[in-house]
Amino acid sequence: MNSKDVELIFNILKQLQPSISESIQFYNKEYEHRFGYVVQFKSKNKIIAIWLDLPGLNAPKLKILFTRHKEVNHNFFIQEIDDFYRVGWKLK
């Protein structure tokens, strides 16, 4: 993922949750979820995935995601984990 991809993903996620922090956090396995932060997972100095954890997904948020997810040329995912949703993109 390049910086343009990261910026686009951040803008899409900010549309879902306008109150998210402006700084992107690095993945830390000790946190089950990080509500309010965009998280990136890096390996060998390359961004492998970027996501946002949400306590819930409703119809308006899903409409935003399914309207805009193809703007990013990476694999889009929505994952339900216990009582929250992880929404993001990972390298192909």
N, C-alpha and C. Protein backbone atom coordinates (compact mmCIF):
# COMPACT_ATOMS: atom_id res chain seq x y z
N MET A 1 0.85 -1.17 0.00
CA MET A 1 0.00 0.00 0.00
C MET A 1 0.89 1.23 0.00
N ASN A 2 0.51 2.20 -0.78
CA ASN A 2 1.27 3.43 -0.81
C ASN A 2 0.54 4.53 -0.01
N SER A 3 1.15 5.69 0.08
CA SER A 3 0.58 6.77 0.90
C SER A 3 -0.76 7.25 0.35
N LYS A 4 -0.94 7.19 -0.97
CA LYS A 4 -2.22 7.58 -1.57
C LYS A 4 -3.33 6.61 -1.14
N ASP A 5 -3.02 5.31 -1.12
CA ASP A 5 -3.99 4.31 -0.65
C ASP A 5 -4.36 4.56 0.80
N VAL A 6 -3.35 4.83 1.61
CA VAL A 6 -3.57 5.05 3.05
C VAL A 6 -4.47 6.27 3.25
N GLU A 7 -4.21 7.33 2.53
CA GLU A 7 -5.01 8.55 2.65
C GLU A 7 -6.46 8.31 2.23
N LEU A 8 -6.64 7.59 1.14
CA LEU A 8 -7.99 7.28 0.67
C LEU A 8 -8.73 6.41 1.66
N ILE A 9 -8.08 5.38 2.17
CA ILE A 9 -8.70 4.49 3.16
C ILE A 9 -9.08 5.30 4.40
N PHE A 10 -8.16 6.15 4.87
CA PHE A 10 -8.45 6.95 6.05
C PHE A 10 -9.68 7.83 5.81
N ASN A 11 -9.78 8.44 4.64
CA ASN A 11 -10.94 9.30 4.33
C ASN A 11 -12.24 8.51 4.31
N ILE A 12 -12.21 7.31 3.78
CA ILE A 12 -13.42 6.47 3.77
C ILE A 12 -13.80 6.11 5.20
N LEU A 13 -12.82 5.70 6.00
CA LEU A 13 -13.10 5.32 7.39
C LEU A 13 -13.56 6.51 8.21
N LYS A 14 -13.03 7.68 7.92
CA LYS A 14 -13.43 8.91 8.62
C LYS A 14 -14.88 9.24 8.30
N GLN A 15 -15.32 8.89 7.11
CA GLN A 15 -16.72 9.10 6.75
C GLN A 15 -17.63 8.18 7.59
N LEU A 16 -17.14 6.99 7.92
CA LEU A 16 -17.91 6.07 8.76
C LEU A 16 -17.99 6.55 10.19
N GLN A 17 -16.86 7.04 10.69
CA GLN A 17 -16.79 7.48 12.08
C GLN A 17 -15.98 8.79 12.14
N PRO A 18 -16.67 9.92 12.00
CA PRO A 18 -15.98 11.21 11.92
C PRO A 18 -15.11 11.55 13.12
N SER A 19 -15.35 10.94 14.26
CA SER A 19 -14.60 11.28 15.47
C SER A 19 -13.30 10.50 15.64
N ILE A 20 -12.88 9.72 14.63
CA ILE A 20 -11.65 8.94 14.80
C ILE A 20 -10.44 9.85 14.93
N SER A 21 -9.43 9.32 15.60
CA SER A 21 -8.19 10.05 15.79
C SER A 21 -7.51 10.29 14.45
N GLU A 22 -6.84 11.42 14.33
CA GLU A 22 -6.14 11.77 13.08
C GLU A 22 -4.86 10.97 12.89
N SER A 23 -4.37 10.34 13.96
CA SER A 23 -3.13 9.56 13.83
C SER A 23 -3.46 8.07 13.66
N ILE A 24 -2.77 7.44 12.74
CA ILE A 24 -2.95 6.01 12.50
C ILE A 24 -2.06 5.25 13.48
N GLN A 25 -2.63 4.27 14.15
CA GLN A 25 -1.93 3.50 15.17
C GLN A 25 -1.31 2.24 14.55
N PHE A 26 -0.22 1.78 15.15
CA PHE A 26 0.37 0.51 14.74
C PHE A 26 -0.30 -0.63 15.48
N TYR A 27 -0.44 -1.75 14.82
CA TYR A 27 -1.06 -2.93 15.42
C TYR A 27 -0.26 -3.39 16.63
N ASN A 28 -0.97 -3.72 17.69
CA ASN A 28 -0.38 -4.28 18.90
C ASN A 28 -1.27 -5.44 19.33
N LYS A 29 -0.74 -6.64 19.35
CA LYS A 29 -1.55 -7.83 19.61
C LYS A 29 -2.16 -7.84 21.00
N GLU A 30 -1.70 -6.98 21.88
CA GLU A 30 -2.24 -6.93 23.24
C GLU A 30 -3.61 -6.25 23.30
N TYR A 31 -3.99 -5.52 22.26
CA TYR A 31 -5.29 -4.87 22.21
C TYR A 31 -6.25 -5.72 21.40
N GLU A 32 -7.39 -6.06 22.00
CA GLU A 32 -8.40 -6.83 21.27
C GLU A 32 -9.03 -5.96 20.18
N HIS A 33 -9.31 -4.72 20.53
CA HIS A 33 -9.86 -3.76 19.58
C HIS A 33 -9.37 -2.37 19.96
N ARG A 34 -9.46 -1.45 19.02
CA ARG A 34 -9.03 -0.07 19.25
C ARG A 34 -10.07 0.86 18.65
N PHE A 35 -11.19 0.99 19.34
CA PHE A 35 -12.25 1.87 18.87
C PHE A 35 -11.72 3.30 18.81
N GLY A 36 -12.08 4.00 17.76
CA GLY A 36 -11.69 5.40 17.62
C GLY A 36 -10.36 5.62 16.93
N TYR A 37 -9.70 4.54 16.51
CA TYR A 37 -8.40 4.64 15.85
C TYR A 37 -8.35 3.79 14.60
N VAL A 38 -7.72 4.31 13.57
CA VAL A 38 -7.40 3.50 12.40
C VAL A 38 -6.09 2.79 12.75
N VAL A 39 -6.04 1.50 12.47
CA VAL A 39 -4.89 0.67 12.83
C VAL A 39 -4.25 0.14 11.56
N GLN A 40 -2.91 0.13 11.54
CA GLN A 40 -2.21 -0.47 10.41
C GLN A 40 -1.32 -1.60 10.90
N PHE A 41 -1.22 -2.63 10.08
CA PHE A 41 -0.34 -3.77 10.36
C PHE A 41 0.79 -3.73 9.34
N LYS A 42 2.01 -3.69 9.84
CA LYS A 42 3.18 -3.64 8.96
C LYS A 42 4.02 -4.90 9.12
N SER A 43 4.66 -5.27 8.03
CA SER A 43 5.61 -6.37 8.03
C SER A 43 6.74 -5.99 7.08
N LYS A 44 7.95 -6.07 7.56
CA LYS A 44 9.13 -5.71 6.76
C LYS A 44 8.98 -4.31 6.15
N ASN A 45 8.53 -3.37 6.99
CA ASN A 45 8.35 -1.97 6.61
C ASN A 45 7.32 -1.74 5.50
N LYS A 46 6.45 -2.72 5.26
CA LYS A 46 5.37 -2.56 4.29
C LYS A 46 4.04 -2.66 5.03
N ILE A 47 3.11 -1.79 4.66
CA ILE A 47 1.77 -1.86 5.24
C ILE A 47 1.04 -3.03 4.59
N ILE A 48 0.63 -3.97 5.41
CA ILE A 48 -0.07 -5.16 4.93
C ILE A 48 -1.58 -4.98 4.99
N ALA A 49 -2.06 -4.27 6.04
CA ALA A 49 -3.50 -4.06 6.20
C ALA A 49 -3.76 -2.80 7.01
N ILE A 50 -4.92 -2.21 6.77
CA ILE A 50 -5.39 -1.06 7.53
C ILE A 50 -6.86 -1.31 7.83
N TRP A 51 -7.27 -1.02 9.10
CA TRP A 51 -8.66 -1.27 9.46
C TRP A 51 -9.13 -0.32 10.55
N LEU A 52 -10.45 -0.37 10.77
CA LEU A 52 -11.11 0.37 11.82
C LEU A 52 -12.04 -0.60 12.54
N ASP A 53 -11.97 -0.61 13.86
CA ASP A 53 -12.88 -1.43 14.66
C ASP A 53 -14.09 -0.59 15.03
N LEU A 54 -15.27 -1.14 14.77
CA LEU A 54 -16.53 -0.44 15.04
C LEU A 54 -17.39 -1.27 15.97
N PRO A 55 -18.04 -0.64 16.95
CA PRO A 55 -18.92 -1.40 17.84
C PRO A 55 -20.16 -1.92 17.13
N GLY A 56 -20.53 -1.31 16.03
CA GLY A 56 -21.69 -1.77 15.28
C GLY A 56 -21.68 -1.22 13.86
N LEU A 57 -22.37 -1.93 12.99
CA LEU A 57 -22.54 -1.48 11.60
C LEU A 57 -24.02 -1.36 11.33
N ASN A 58 -24.43 -0.21 10.81
CA ASN A 58 -25.83 -0.03 10.46
C ASN A 58 -25.94 0.17 8.94
N ALA A 59 -27.15 0.31 8.46
CA ALA A 59 -27.38 0.42 7.03
C ALA A 59 -26.65 1.61 6.39
N PRO A 60 -26.66 2.81 7.00
CA PRO A 60 -25.94 3.93 6.37
C PRO A 60 -24.43 3.68 6.26
N LYS A 61 -23.84 3.07 7.28
CA LYS A 61 -22.40 2.78 7.23
C LYS A 61 -22.09 1.72 6.17
N LEU A 62 -22.94 0.72 6.09
CA LEU A 62 -22.74 -0.31 5.06
C LEU A 62 -22.89 0.27 3.66
N LYS A 63 -23.82 1.20 3.49
CA LYS A 63 -23.99 1.83 2.18
C LYS A 63 -22.73 2.59 1.79
N ILE A 64 -22.13 3.32 2.74
CA ILE A 64 -20.87 4.03 2.47
C ILE A 64 -19.80 3.03 2.04
N LEU A 65 -19.66 1.95 2.80
CA LEU A 65 -18.63 0.96 2.51
C LEU A 65 -18.82 0.31 1.14
N PHE A 66 -20.04 -0.11 0.86
CA PHE A 66 -20.26 -0.81 -0.40
C PHE A 66 -20.30 0.13 -1.60
N THR A 67 -20.45 1.42 -1.35
CA THR A 67 -20.36 2.39 -2.43
C THR A 67 -18.91 2.75 -2.73
N ARG A 68 -18.07 2.81 -1.68
CA ARG A 68 -16.71 3.34 -1.86
C ARG A 68 -15.59 2.31 -1.80
N HIS A 69 -15.85 1.09 -1.39
CA HIS A 69 -14.74 0.15 -1.16
C HIS A 69 -13.89 -0.14 -2.40
N LYS A 70 -14.46 -0.04 -3.58
CA LYS A 70 -13.70 -0.33 -4.81
C LYS A 70 -12.79 0.81 -5.24
N GLU A 71 -12.85 1.95 -4.54
CA GLU A 71 -11.93 3.05 -4.83
C GLU A 71 -10.50 2.68 -4.46
N VAL A 72 -10.36 1.70 -3.57
CA VAL A 72 -9.05 1.24 -3.12
C VAL A 72 -8.77 -0.10 -3.81
N ASN A 73 -7.63 -0.21 -4.45
CA ASN A 73 -7.30 -1.40 -5.23
C ASN A 73 -6.63 -2.48 -4.38
N HIS A 74 -7.25 -2.79 -3.26
CA HIS A 74 -6.78 -3.85 -2.37
C HIS A 74 -7.99 -4.62 -1.87
N ASN A 75 -7.76 -5.75 -1.22
CA ASN A 75 -8.85 -6.60 -0.75
C ASN A 75 -9.59 -5.96 0.41
N PHE A 76 -10.87 -5.70 0.21
CA PHE A 76 -11.75 -5.14 1.24
C PHE A 76 -12.26 -6.26 2.13
N PHE A 77 -12.38 -5.99 3.43
CA PHE A 77 -12.95 -7.01 4.32
C PHE A 77 -13.80 -6.39 5.42
N ILE A 78 -14.79 -7.15 5.84
CA ILE A 78 -15.57 -6.87 7.04
C ILE A 78 -15.53 -8.16 7.84
N GLN A 79 -15.09 -8.07 9.07
CA GLN A 79 -14.95 -9.24 9.92
C GLN A 79 -15.70 -9.00 11.23
N GLU A 80 -16.61 -9.90 11.58
CA GLU A 80 -17.28 -9.81 12.88
C GLU A 80 -16.43 -10.54 13.91
N ILE A 81 -16.07 -9.84 14.97
CA ILE A 81 -15.25 -10.42 16.03
C ILE A 81 -15.99 -10.20 17.34
N ASP A 82 -16.51 -11.27 17.92
CA ASP A 82 -17.28 -11.18 19.17
C ASP A 82 -18.36 -10.10 19.06
N ASP A 83 -18.15 -8.95 19.70
CA ASP A 83 -19.20 -7.92 19.74
C ASP A 83 -18.83 -6.65 18.98
N PHE A 84 -17.93 -6.75 18.01
CA PHE A 84 -17.59 -5.60 17.18
C PHE A 84 -17.24 -6.05 15.77
N TYR A 85 -17.10 -5.06 14.88
CA TYR A 85 -16.77 -5.33 13.48
C TYR A 85 -15.44 -4.68 13.13
N ARG A 86 -14.63 -5.39 12.39
CA ARG A 86 -13.36 -4.87 11.88
C ARG A 86 -13.56 -4.68 10.37
N VAL A 87 -13.36 -3.45 9.90
CA VAL A 87 -13.58 -3.07 8.51
C VAL A 87 -12.26 -2.52 7.97
N GLY A 88 -11.80 -3.04 6.83
CA GLY A 88 -10.55 -2.52 6.30
C GLY A 88 -10.17 -3.11 4.96
N TRP A 89 -8.90 -2.91 4.64
CA TRP A 89 -8.31 -3.38 3.38
C TRP A 89 -6.99 -4.04 3.67
N LYS A 90 -6.67 -5.08 2.90
CA LYS A 90 -5.36 -5.72 3.01
C LYS A 90 -4.78 -5.90 1.63
N LEU A 91 -3.46 -6.09 1.58
CA LEU A 91 -2.79 -6.30 0.30
C LEU A 91 -3.36 -7.52 -0.40
N LYS A 92 -3.37 -7.48 -1.70
CA LYS A 92 -3.84 -8.63 -2.49
C LYS A 92 -2.84 -9.75 -2.44
